[in-house]
Amino acid sequence: MSDTGGHITVVSHLSGSNEDATHELTKLIETSGVLNEVPRLSMSAHLLSGPVAGAIAHTLEQNLGDPILWAWQTHRALTTAAKATLTGAGPPEYVSLASHKITSVHHPQVELIVDETPAMTITFDLNLLFRLEALLLTVQRGYLIGLSPAGCHAEATFGAHGMEVSRSEDYRLPKLVEVRNGLPLLPAAAYAIATQ
């Protein structure tokens, strides 16, 4: 189980490190031949592999655990606990979640412009799958403020035009999900009303 410190992003998960993944993505783009499909590039297609890979890497600099938080913000038991604790008058509520799975699908795009004219839009597929162990979450004043150190198996698959990279890793959940400042579980208007 990975306990590496630092910020775990989609791109660092896919590359297996926090180092720049542009080189690895450049090789994938060149291998796929996707840039050869751009009519006006012909022999210079290989020169764009690096910049396209850099744009993709920048796009994938998102927290790997964000889809987990997004899913929890819609979980009925958590929103019920958030409403019950919104005024802050009582103790925190503890919500137990059984082992569960969260999937998230994204389609980032990179647009190639040649001679100030859009030449091609490359659409990529990013599929994320999280398998979480049973865990205990703490809710107070309408915010998710704590979680038990359960395990999470994360799988990411990224690809387009015949290229694909896939990687899975086991993490401790606090390495993927940051709730130190509290994650709001209700719409902003609910917090505004509670403070009046």
Protein backbone atom coordinates (compact mmCIF):
# COMPACT_ATOMS: atom_id res chain seq x y z
CA MET A 1 0.00 0.00 0.00
CA SER A 2 1.43 3.32 -1.07
CA ASP A 3 2.05 5.82 1.69
CA THR A 4 4.13 8.19 -0.37
CA GLY A 5 3.81 11.72 0.88
CA GLY A 6 2.86 14.65 -1.23
CA HIS A 7 0.15 15.57 -3.61
CA ILE A 8 -1.22 12.61 -5.62
CA THR A 9 -2.59 13.79 -8.95
CA VAL A 10 -4.01 11.81 -11.85
CA VAL A 11 -0.79 12.29 -13.84
CA SER A 12 1.49 11.31 -10.92
CA HIS A 13 -0.63 8.19 -10.35
CA LEU A 14 -0.44 7.24 -14.04
CA SER A 15 3.33 7.79 -14.19
CA GLY A 16 3.98 6.13 -10.83
CA SER A 17 5.82 9.15 -9.42
CA ASN A 18 5.51 12.86 -8.74
CA GLU A 19 8.06 13.54 -11.48
CA ASP A 20 7.15 15.16 -14.78
CA ALA A 21 5.20 12.63 -16.86
CA THR A 22 5.55 14.59 -20.12
CA HIS A 23 8.31 12.29 -21.44
CA GLU A 24 6.19 9.16 -20.95
CA LEU A 25 3.14 10.82 -22.53
CA THR A 26 5.26 12.00 -25.47
CA LYS A 27 6.29 8.40 -26.17
CA LEU A 28 2.65 7.29 -26.03
CA ILE A 29 1.55 9.99 -28.47
CA GLU A 30 4.35 9.17 -30.90
CA THR A 31 3.57 5.44 -30.69
CA SER A 32 -0.14 6.03 -31.35
CA GLY A 33 0.52 8.06 -34.52
CA VAL A 34 -2.44 10.31 -33.71
CA LEU A 35 -0.59 13.42 -34.89
CA ASN A 36 0.02 11.84 -38.29
CA GLU A 37 -3.71 12.27 -38.92
CA VAL A 38 -3.32 16.06 -39.11
CA PRO A 39 -3.14 16.83 -42.88
CA ARG A 40 -0.91 19.91 -42.79
CA LEU A 41 1.66 18.47 -40.38
CA SER A 42 3.05 15.63 -42.50
CA MET A 43 6.74 15.26 -41.59
CA SER A 44 6.71 17.69 -38.64
CA ALA A 45 4.11 15.77 -36.58
CA HIS A 46 6.79 14.38 -34.27
CA LEU A 47 7.76 17.94 -33.29
CA LEU A 48 4.35 18.47 -31.67
CA SER A 49 4.41 15.34 -29.51
CA GLY A 50 6.16 17.13 -26.64
CA PRO A 51 3.89 20.21 -26.54
CA VAL A 52 0.75 18.05 -26.82
CA ALA A 53 2.04 15.79 -24.02
CA GLY A 54 2.74 18.88 -21.90
CA ALA A 55 -0.82 20.12 -22.41
CA ILE A 56 -2.19 16.70 -21.45
CA ALA A 57 0.02 16.51 -18.35
CA HIS A 58 -1.17 19.97 -17.30
CA THR A 59 -4.80 18.89 -17.77
CA LEU A 60 -4.23 15.79 -15.61
CA GLU A 61 -2.72 17.79 -12.71
CA GLN A 62 -5.98 17.25 -10.82
CA ASN A 63 -6.24 15.60 -7.41
CA LEU A 64 -6.71 11.88 -7.93
CA GLY A 65 -9.15 11.72 -4.99
CA ASP A 66 -11.49 14.53 -6.15
CA PRO A 67 -14.07 12.10 -7.63
CA ILE A 68 -14.32 10.41 -4.22
CA LEU A 69 -15.20 13.73 -2.59
CA TRP A 70 -17.68 14.58 -5.36
CA ALA A 71 -19.43 11.24 -4.84
CA TRP A 72 -19.58 11.68 -1.08
CA GLN A 73 -21.17 15.12 -1.47
CA THR A 74 -24.21 13.38 -2.95
CA HIS A 75 -24.36 10.46 -0.48
CA ARG A 76 -27.70 10.50 1.36
CA ALA A 77 -26.33 9.46 4.77
CA LEU A 78 -23.68 12.19 4.64
CA THR A 79 -26.06 14.94 3.56
CA THR A 80 -28.51 13.87 6.29
CA ALA A 81 -25.71 14.11 8.87
CA ALA A 82 -24.71 17.49 7.45
CA LYS A 83 -28.25 18.85 7.87
CA ALA A 84 -28.46 17.46 11.42
CA THR A 85 -25.21 19.15 12.48
CA LEU A 86 -25.55 22.37 10.50
CA THR A 87 -26.35 24.60 13.48
CA GLY A 88 -23.35 23.29 15.42
CA ALA A 89 -25.45 22.93 18.57
CA GLY A 90 -24.79 19.23 19.08
CA PRO A 91 -21.93 16.76 18.84
CA PRO A 92 -20.52 15.58 15.52
CA GLU A 93 -22.23 12.74 13.69
CA TYR A 94 -20.38 9.62 12.59
CA VAL A 95 -21.36 7.96 9.32
CA SER A 96 -20.25 4.42 8.53
CA LEU A 97 -19.88 3.51 4.89
CA ALA A 98 -19.57 -0.10 3.80
CA SER A 99 -17.00 -1.09 1.21
CA HIS A 100 -17.98 0.66 -2.00
CA LYS A 101 -16.90 1.50 -5.52
CA ILE A 102 -16.78 4.91 -7.22
CA THR A 103 -16.27 5.37 -10.96
CA SER A 104 -15.59 8.61 -12.78
CA VAL A 105 -15.27 9.13 -16.57
CA HIS A 106 -13.73 12.22 -18.19
CA HIS A 107 -12.93 13.30 -21.75
CA PRO A 108 -10.19 15.98 -21.75
CA GLN A 109 -9.35 17.58 -25.08
CA VAL A 110 -6.31 19.19 -26.70
CA GLU A 111 -6.85 21.42 -29.72
CA LEU A 112 -4.06 21.67 -32.29
CA ILE A 113 -3.78 24.96 -34.15
CA VAL A 114 -1.61 25.14 -37.28
CA ASP A 115 -1.01 28.47 -39.01
CA GLU A 116 -3.63 30.08 -36.73
CA THR A 117 -6.25 27.60 -37.95
CA PRO A 118 -7.72 24.80 -35.83
CA ALA A 119 -6.31 21.62 -37.37
CA MET A 120 -7.52 18.91 -35.02
CA THR A 121 -9.07 18.31 -31.63
CA ILE A 122 -7.78 15.22 -29.85
CA THR A 123 -10.25 13.83 -27.33
CA PHE A 124 -8.82 11.56 -24.66
CA ASP A 125 -10.61 9.09 -22.40
CA LEU A 126 -9.86 9.02 -18.68
CA ASN A 127 -11.55 6.32 -16.61
CA LEU A 128 -11.07 6.25 -12.85
CA LEU A 129 -12.19 3.45 -10.56
CA PHE A 130 -11.89 3.52 -6.78
CA ARG A 131 -12.58 0.53 -4.52
CA LEU A 132 -12.84 1.74 -0.93
CA GLU A 133 -12.75 -0.31 2.24
CA ALA A 134 -15.41 0.23 4.90
CA LEU A 135 -14.75 3.48 6.72
CA LEU A 136 -16.04 5.92 9.30
CA LEU A 137 -16.58 9.58 8.41
CA THR A 138 -17.05 12.48 10.83
CA VAL A 139 -19.51 15.29 10.04
CA GLN A 140 -19.88 18.53 12.02
CA ARG A 141 -21.50 21.90 11.24
CA GLY A 142 -22.49 20.52 7.83
CA TYR A 143 -18.93 19.65 6.81
CA LEU A 144 -17.06 16.39 6.39
CA ILE A 145 -14.19 16.94 8.84
CA GLY A 146 -12.64 13.51 9.38
CA LEU A 147 -12.22 10.03 8.00
CA SER A 148 -10.74 6.77 9.16
CA PRO A 149 -7.51 5.58 7.52
CA ALA A 150 -9.18 3.00 5.29
CA GLY A 151 -7.56 1.61 2.18
CA CYS A 152 -8.44 2.52 -1.38
CA HIS A 153 -7.54 0.70 -4.57
CA ALA A 154 -7.31 3.26 -7.40
CA GLU A 155 -7.26 2.34 -11.09
CA ALA A 156 -6.79 4.88 -13.88
CA THR A 157 -6.90 4.26 -17.62
CA PHE A 158 -5.98 7.04 -20.04
CA GLY A 159 -5.98 6.79 -23.80
CA ALA A 160 -7.08 7.83 -27.25
CA HIS A 161 -6.62 6.78 -30.88
CA GLY A 162 -5.24 3.35 -30.08
CA MET A 163 -2.90 4.40 -27.28
CA GLU A 164 -3.60 3.53 -23.68
CA VAL A 165 -1.85 3.64 -20.36
CA SER A 166 -3.32 2.05 -17.28
CA ARG A 167 -2.10 1.84 -13.70
CA SER A 168 -3.50 0.70 -10.38
CA GLU A 169 -2.21 1.29 -6.87
CA ASP A 170 -3.34 0.78 -3.29
CA TYR A 171 -3.38 3.93 -1.14
CA ARG A 172 -4.37 4.91 2.35
CA LEU A 173 -7.45 7.08 1.90
CA PRO A 174 -6.02 10.16 3.70
CA LYS A 175 -3.33 10.29 0.96
CA LEU A 176 -6.04 10.81 -1.68
CA VAL A 177 -8.66 12.82 0.18
CA GLU A 178 -8.00 16.04 2.13
CA VAL A 179 -10.73 17.12 4.55
CA ARG A 180 -8.66 19.11 7.07
CA ASN A 181 -10.51 22.36 6.28
CA GLY A 182 -13.86 20.60 5.99
CA LEU A 183 -15.67 19.53 2.85
CA PRO A 184 -19.08 21.20 2.46
CA LEU A 185 -21.78 18.57 2.04
CA LEU A 186 -24.67 20.97 1.38
CA PRO A 187 -25.38 23.80 -1.08
CA ALA A 188 -23.79 27.15 -0.16
CA ALA A 189 -27.22 28.65 0.58
CA ALA A 190 -27.73 26.21 3.47
CA TYR A 191 -24.64 27.54 5.25
CA ALA A 192 -25.72 31.15 4.71
CA ILE A 193 -29.13 30.47 6.27
CA ALA A 194 -27.54 28.61 9.22
CA THR A 195 -25.36 31.60 10.13
CA GLN A 196 -28.27 34.06 10.25
